[in-house]
Protein backbone atom coordinates (compact mmCIF):
# COMPACT_ATOMS: atom_id res chain seq x y z
CA UNK A 1 0.00 0.00 0.00
CA UNK A 2 1.37 3.37 -1.00
CA UNK A 3 1.87 5.85 1.83
CA UNK A 4 0.66 9.45 1.51
CA UNK A 5 3.40 12.03 2.06
CA UNK A 6 2.78 14.20 5.15
CA UNK A 7 3.31 17.40 3.17
CA UNK A 8 0.67 16.39 0.63
CA UNK A 9 -1.81 15.54 3.38
CA UNK A 10 -1.13 18.81 5.22
CA UNK A 11 -1.29 21.02 2.14
CA UNK A 12 -4.35 19.19 0.85
CA UNK A 13 -6.12 19.76 4.15
CA UNK A 14 -5.48 23.50 4.24
CA UNK A 15 -6.48 23.76 0.58
CA UNK A 16 -9.75 22.01 1.41
CA UNK A 17 -10.41 24.42 4.29
CA UNK A 18 -9.78 27.42 2.01
CA UNK A 19 -12.02 25.96 -0.71
CA UNK A 20 -14.88 25.25 1.71
CA UNK A 21 -14.60 28.78 3.14
CA UNK A 22 -14.67 30.26 -0.36
CA UNK A 23 -17.68 28.21 -1.46
CA UNK A 24 -19.39 28.99 1.85
CA UNK A 25 -18.94 32.74 1.41
CA UNK A 26 -20.31 32.54 -2.11
CA UNK A 27 -23.27 30.51 -0.84
CA UNK A 28 -24.07 33.15 1.79
CA UNK A 29 -24.04 35.95 -0.76
CA UNK A 30 -25.36 34.30 -3.91
CA UNK A 31 -27.77 31.64 -2.64
CA UNK A 32 -28.92 33.25 0.62
CA UNK A 33 -28.79 36.81 -0.67
CA UNK A 34 -26.76 38.17 2.26
CA UNK A 35 -24.84 41.29 1.20
CA UNK A 36 -21.22 41.19 2.42
CA UNK A 37 -20.09 44.11 4.58
CA UNK A 38 -16.77 45.86 4.07
CA UNK A 39 -14.89 43.59 6.47
CA UNK A 40 -16.42 40.53 4.81
CA UNK A 41 -14.98 41.76 1.52
CA UNK A 42 -11.55 42.15 3.08
CA UNK A 43 -11.75 38.59 4.39
CA UNK A 44 -12.77 37.35 0.94
CA UNK A 45 -9.82 39.19 -0.61
CA UNK A 46 -7.53 37.35 1.79
CA UNK A 47 -9.21 33.91 1.47
CA UNK A 48 -9.90 33.51 -2.25
CA UNK A 49 -6.27 33.59 -3.44
CA UNK A 50 -5.38 30.98 -0.83
CA UNK A 51 -7.43 28.39 -2.74
CA UNK A 52 -5.26 28.79 -5.83
CA UNK A 53 -1.93 29.31 -4.06
CA UNK A 54 -2.44 26.35 -1.73
CA UNK A 55 -3.95 24.18 -4.46
CA UNK A 56 -0.95 24.62 -6.75
CA UNK A 57 1.44 24.05 -3.84
CA UNK A 58 -0.42 20.83 -2.98
CA UNK A 59 -0.07 19.53 -6.52
CA UNK A 60 3.63 20.39 -6.49
CA UNK A 61 4.21 19.18 -2.92
CA UNK A 62 5.82 22.55 -2.16
CA UNK A 63 5.85 23.21 1.58
CA UNK A 64 7.60 26.55 1.02
CA UNK A 65 4.13 27.93 0.22
CA UNK A 66 3.96 28.97 3.87
CA UNK A 67 5.98 32.06 2.88
CA UNK A 68 3.13 33.23 0.64
CA UNK A 69 0.13 31.79 2.44
CA UNK A 70 0.93 32.57 6.06
CA UNK A 71 0.87 36.38 5.69
CA UNK A 72 -2.54 36.10 3.98
CA UNK A 73 -3.99 33.74 6.57
CA UNK A 74 -2.61 35.61 9.59
CA UNK A 75 -3.98 38.87 8.19
CA UNK A 76 -7.30 37.07 7.81
CA UNK A 77 -7.14 35.96 11.45
CA UNK A 78 -6.69 39.59 12.54
CA UNK A 79 -9.54 40.91 10.37
CA UNK A 80 -11.93 38.07 11.27
CA UNK A 81 -11.15 38.39 14.99
CA UNK A 82 -11.76 42.14 14.84
CA UNK A 83 -14.98 41.55 12.88
CA UNK A 84 -16.14 38.98 15.44
CA UNK A 85 -15.38 41.45 18.22
CA UNK A 86 -17.40 44.15 16.45
CA UNK A 87 -20.41 41.85 16.25
CA UNK A 88 -20.47 41.69 20.02
CA UNK A 89 -20.80 45.49 20.24
CA UNK A 90 -24.17 46.71 18.90
CA UNK A 91 -22.90 50.27 18.35
CA UNK A 92 -19.83 49.28 16.34
CA UNK A 93 -19.76 49.89 12.61
CA UNK A 94 -17.99 47.59 10.18
CA UNK A 95 -19.59 48.80 6.97
CA UNK A 96 -20.84 51.93 5.33
CA UNK A 97 -24.43 50.72 5.68
CA UNK A 98 -24.51 50.09 9.43
CA UNK A 99 -23.33 47.87 12.22
CA UNK A 100 -22.18 44.28 12.05
CA UNK A 101 -25.34 43.18 13.80
CA UNK A 102 -27.50 44.18 10.80
CA UNK A 103 -27.19 40.66 9.36
CA UNK A 104 -26.55 38.23 12.16
CA UNK A 105 -26.73 34.78 10.63
CA UNK A 106 -26.01 32.09 13.22
CA UNK A 107 -25.30 28.45 12.66
CA UNK A 108 -25.75 26.09 15.61
CA UNK A 109 -26.43 29.18 17.76
CA UNK A 110 -22.71 29.98 17.99
CA UNK A 111 -21.17 30.46 14.57
CA UNK A 112 -21.62 33.78 12.81
CA UNK A 113 -20.11 34.39 9.39
CA UNK A 114 -17.05 36.23 10.81
CA UNK A 115 -16.53 33.45 13.37
CA UNK A 116 -16.62 30.84 10.61
CA UNK A 117 -14.01 32.88 8.74
CA UNK A 118 -11.92 33.12 11.91
CA UNK A 119 -11.99 29.33 12.36
CA UNK A 120 -11.00 28.82 8.71
CA UNK A 121 -8.13 31.33 8.87
CA UNK A 122 -6.90 29.80 12.14
CA UNK A 123 -6.95 26.28 10.69
CA UNK A 124 -5.08 27.43 7.59
CA UNK A 125 -2.53 29.34 9.69
CA UNK A 126 -1.86 26.32 11.91
CA UNK A 127 -1.50 24.13 8.83
CA UNK A 128 0.92 26.57 7.23
CA UNK A 129 2.98 26.74 10.41
CA UNK A 130 3.17 22.96 10.15
CA UNK A 131 4.26 23.34 6.51
CA UNK A 132 6.97 25.77 7.66
CA UNK A 133 8.25 23.19 10.14
CA UNK A 134 8.29 20.52 7.40
CA UNK A 135 10.00 22.94 5.02
CA UNK A 136 12.73 23.77 7.54
CA UNK A 137 13.23 20.07 8.30
CA UNK A 138 14.03 19.24 4.67
CA UNK A 139 17.36 20.55 3.34
Foldseek 3Di string as FASTA:
>chain_A
DDDDDPLLVLLVVLLVLLVVLLVVVCCCCPVVVDDDFPLSVLLNVLRVVSNVLSVVCSVVSPLVSLVVNQVSLVVQLVSLVVLVVQCVPQQDCRHPVHGSVPDFDDDPNPDGSSNSSNVSSVSSNVSSVVSVVVVVVPD
